[in-house]
Structure formats: structure tokens, C-alpha cells
Protein backbone atom coordinates (compact mmCIF):
# COMPACT_ATOMS: atom_id res chain seq x y z
CA UNK A 1 -14.35 -19.54 16.83
CA UNK A 2 -12.18 -17.25 18.80
CA UNK A 3 -13.25 -13.41 19.73
CA UNK A 4 -11.38 -10.84 18.03
CA UNK A 5 -8.10 -9.66 19.99
CA UNK A 6 -8.02 -6.25 21.84
CA UNK A 7 -5.26 -5.19 19.27
CA UNK A 8 -7.54 -5.69 16.19
CA UNK A 9 -10.38 -4.29 18.16
CA UNK A 10 -8.52 -1.05 18.62
CA UNK A 11 -7.66 -0.88 14.80
CA UNK A 12 -11.36 -1.19 14.07
CA UNK A 13 -12.21 1.38 16.37
CA UNK A 14 -9.76 3.57 14.56
CA UNK A 15 -11.26 2.97 11.20
CA UNK A 16 -14.42 4.04 12.81
CA UNK A 17 -13.25 7.21 14.17
CA UNK A 18 -11.96 8.04 10.81
CA UNK A 19 -15.24 7.24 9.01
CA UNK A 20 -13.85 4.32 7.19
CA UNK A 21 -15.66 1.10 6.52
CA UNK A 22 -14.04 -2.37 7.11
CA UNK A 23 -14.98 -5.64 7.51
CA UNK A 24 -13.54 -8.29 10.04
CA UNK A 25 -12.45 -11.45 8.64
CA UNK A 26 -14.08 -14.34 10.64
CA UNK A 27 -11.84 -16.12 12.86
CA UNK A 28 -8.87 -14.14 11.95
CA UNK A 29 -7.13 -10.82 13.50
CA UNK A 30 -7.56 -9.23 10.18
CA UNK A 31 -9.66 -6.35 8.87
CA UNK A 32 -10.32 -5.61 5.44
CA UNK A 33 -11.27 -2.34 3.43
CA UNK A 34 -11.30 -0.79 -0.02
CA UNK A 35 -10.21 3.01 -0.82
CA UNK A 36 -10.61 5.02 -3.86
CA UNK A 37 -7.30 6.76 -4.26
CA UNK A 38 -6.22 9.34 -6.97
CA UNK A 39 -4.82 6.63 -9.44
CA UNK A 40 -6.29 3.23 -8.19
CA UNK A 41 -8.57 1.35 -5.90
CA UNK A 42 -6.46 0.32 -3.16
CA UNK A 43 -7.63 -3.07 -1.23
CA UNK A 44 -6.34 -2.96 1.94
CA UNK A 45 -6.05 -5.37 4.82
CA UNK A 46 -4.64 -4.85 8.33
CA UNK A 47 -3.51 -7.71 10.58
CA UNK A 48 -2.60 -7.80 14.61
CA UNK A 49 -0.04 -9.93 15.05
CA UNK A 50 -0.80 -10.81 18.87
CA UNK A 51 2.10 -12.90 19.52
CA UNK A 52 4.49 -9.95 18.88
CA UNK A 53 2.27 -7.29 19.27
CA UNK A 54 2.44 -5.96 15.62
CA UNK A 55 0.25 -4.45 13.15
CA UNK A 56 0.69 -5.35 9.41
CA UNK A 57 -1.16 -3.21 6.79
CA UNK A 58 -1.01 -4.39 3.20
CA UNK A 59 -2.31 -2.30 0.33
CA UNK A 60 -2.75 -4.09 -2.94
CA UNK A 61 -3.99 -3.44 -6.64
CA UNK A 62 -4.15 -5.53 -9.52
CA UNK A 63 -1.22 -5.33 -12.08
CA UNK A 64 -0.60 -7.88 -14.96
CA UNK A 65 2.47 -7.05 -16.76
CA UNK A 66 3.70 -9.10 -19.72
CA UNK A 67 6.61 -11.55 -19.48
CA UNK A 68 8.44 -9.04 -21.21
CA UNK A 69 7.44 -6.14 -18.59
CA UNK A 70 7.88 -8.06 -15.50
CA UNK A 71 11.42 -7.70 -14.96
CA UNK A 72 11.12 -3.86 -15.60
CA UNK A 73 8.11 -3.95 -12.94
CA UNK A 74 10.38 -5.73 -10.47
CA UNK A 75 13.33 -2.93 -11.12
CA UNK A 76 10.88 -0.09 -10.59
CA UNK A 77 9.88 -1.20 -7.34
CA UNK A 78 13.26 -2.21 -6.18
CA UNK A 79 14.57 1.50 -6.99
CA UNK A 80 11.21 2.95 -5.51
CA UNK A 81 12.25 1.00 -2.01
CA UNK A 82 15.51 2.65 -1.79
CA UNK A 83 13.84 5.98 -1.65
CA UNK A 84 11.22 4.67 1.28
CA UNK A 85 11.79 5.18 5.15
CA UNK A 86 8.91 2.98 6.28
CA UNK A 87 7.24 0.01 4.47
CA UNK A 88 8.28 -1.34 1.07
CA UNK A 89 7.08 -2.49 -2.34
CA UNK A 90 6.28 -5.92 -3.41
CA UNK A 91 4.96 -7.62 -6.33
CA UNK A 92 2.83 -10.89 -5.94
CA UNK A 93 3.86 -13.03 -8.49
CA UNK A 94 1.30 -15.53 -8.03
CA UNK A 95 -1.80 -13.02 -8.09
CA UNK A 96 -0.41 -10.17 -10.23
CA UNK A 97 -0.86 -7.79 -7.54
CA UNK A 98 1.19 -4.56 -6.74
CA UNK A 99 1.66 -4.57 -3.04
CA UNK A 100 3.10 -2.10 -0.39
CA UNK A 101 3.22 -3.25 3.03
CA UNK A 102 3.96 -1.50 6.26
CA UNK A 103 4.62 -2.97 9.89
CA UNK A 104 4.73 -1.71 13.27
CA UNK A 105 5.27 -3.15 16.62
CA UNK A 106 3.46 -1.48 19.52
CA UNK A 107 4.35 -1.42 23.02
CA UNK A 108 0.96 -1.84 24.30
CA UNK A 109 -1.92 -4.42 23.40
CA UNK A 110 -4.47 -1.45 22.47
CA UNK A 111 -3.01 0.15 19.52
CA UNK A 112 -2.24 3.92 19.06
CA UNK A 113 -4.87 5.35 16.87
CA UNK A 114 -2.48 8.02 15.48
CA UNK A 115 0.08 5.55 14.34
CA UNK A 116 -2.31 3.08 12.94
CA UNK A 117 -3.87 5.99 11.14
CA UNK A 118 -0.58 7.26 9.84
CA UNK A 119 0.18 3.46 8.86
CA UNK A 120 -3.08 3.34 6.69
CA UNK A 121 -2.49 6.64 4.76
CA UNK A 122 1.07 5.73 4.18
CA UNK A 123 0.21 2.21 2.52
CA UNK A 124 -2.85 3.96 0.69
CA UNK A 125 -0.46 6.91 -0.56
CA UNK A 126 2.47 4.85 -1.43
CA UNK A 127 0.50 2.20 -3.68
CA UNK A 128 -1.19 5.13 -5.37
CA UNK A 129 1.86 7.11 -5.74
CA UNK A 130 3.81 4.10 -7.56
CA UNK A 131 0.78 3.02 -9.58
CA UNK A 132 1.12 5.37 -12.18
CA UNK A 133 5.12 4.77 -12.80
CA UNK A 134 4.15 1.08 -13.04
CA UNK A 135 1.40 1.93 -15.79
CA UNK A 136 3.80 3.78 -17.70
CA UNK A 137 6.04 0.56 -17.86
CA UNK A 138 3.45 -2.09 -18.28
CA UNK A 139 2.26 0.55 -21.44
CA UNK A 140 5.78 0.71 -22.90
CA UNK A 141 6.07 -0.99 -25.98
CA UNK A 142 8.48 -4.20 -25.94
CA UNK A 143 10.99 -2.50 -28.34
CA UNK A 144 11.33 0.50 -26.12
CA UNK A 145 11.87 -1.25 -22.88
CA UNK A 146 15.55 -1.11 -22.87
CA UNK A 147 15.28 2.37 -23.66
CA UNK A 148 13.31 2.95 -20.47
CA UNK A 149 15.19 5.01 -17.78
CA UNK A 150 13.40 3.63 -14.52
CA UNK A 151 15.55 5.99 -12.18
CA UNK A 152 14.72 8.97 -14.12
CA UNK A 153 11.05 7.82 -14.44
CA UNK A 154 10.75 7.49 -10.49
CA UNK A 155 11.90 11.29 -10.61
CA UNK A 156 8.96 12.67 -12.31
CA UNK A 157 6.53 14.62 -10.24
CA UNK A 158 3.93 15.22 -12.77
CA UNK A 159 2.08 12.22 -12.01
CA UNK A 160 2.38 11.96 -8.36
CA UNK A 161 -1.11 12.74 -6.85
CA UNK A 162 -1.19 16.16 -4.62
CA UNK A 163 -0.97 15.94 -1.17
CA UNK A 164 -4.39 16.49 0.63
CA UNK A 165 -4.40 20.42 1.94
CA UNK A 166 -1.50 21.29 -0.44
CA UNK A 167 -3.54 22.27 -3.17
CA UNK A 168 -4.25 26.17 -3.59
CA UNK A 169 -7.59 27.49 -2.43
CA UNK A 170 -8.43 29.47 -5.77
């Protein structure tokens, strides 16, 4: 078994600095972690691709839409992706998983802790943000799916989790 790369060790160090628990995957440059977000439990993995000096952070949560709802979930994710600057939503059809993936290519073998932290925060926040929208789609009765305006649904702000530090201190 080969030792972990400098890249993944720098990611593990960033987890430690932030007080986040993670577990390395034996024989791979991958760390796994679980975060309890506002709306969902986020399963996260960070993988270093040493050949290109890149880090991929993937956040996932289970979502099992019916056959009737699947097309609408996929459209929701497609519409949400149009609003993103970094990363993107996916749906793993084989495992019924809602996915957010973000990648960065680094200049140095030791990854910048601020960028890694930002990538992890982004992946967790985006997956947590899309979860209630996807839940609304999945819970919509079959006979009302054609009436569901996904573009308008994504404009609803009442179900978006609050940004930490933006709440009033009252």
C-alpha cells in the first residue's frame, strides 16, 4: 500500500484545523466525512488527483424520486446549475444520490487551506440548499407535476438555510 500523498495530507490537515472529523480511505488519496447541515446529512469525500494537482470535493445525500418525478428532479438540477459560478449539481441514477461536485487545480503540492475550506463549505451549503427544492418536487403529487414551475420554485427564498453570521443577534 502506498503512503498518502502530500496533497491529501494537506487536505487532512485543513480538516483538523477546522475541527472536522474525517477518515482516510486506505490505499487512495481520499478522505470521507459526514456533516449535519441545516436540511440534510451531507456525506462528503475529498479526493486528490496528484497527476494534475487537483482536488475534487463531492457532497452527496440520498434522494429516491419515483420514475414519474425523476425527469422533474433532473430539470431542477439543470436549472439550478445555470445559477452557479463554481461546481455543479448531478444526480447519480445508479445510487439514487443527489450530488454536488466542485474541483480546483492547485499550483503547489500542498493545497491552500483557505481554498480547501471554501470548497468544503461550498459543497455542503449547495447540497443543503438544493435539498428542500428537490424534496418539494419529489413530494408533489403525480397529477400536479406538469403544473410545477421549477424556475419559479428555485426563486423561493423562504426555504434557503440562513447564512451563518447573518442572523440577527436578538
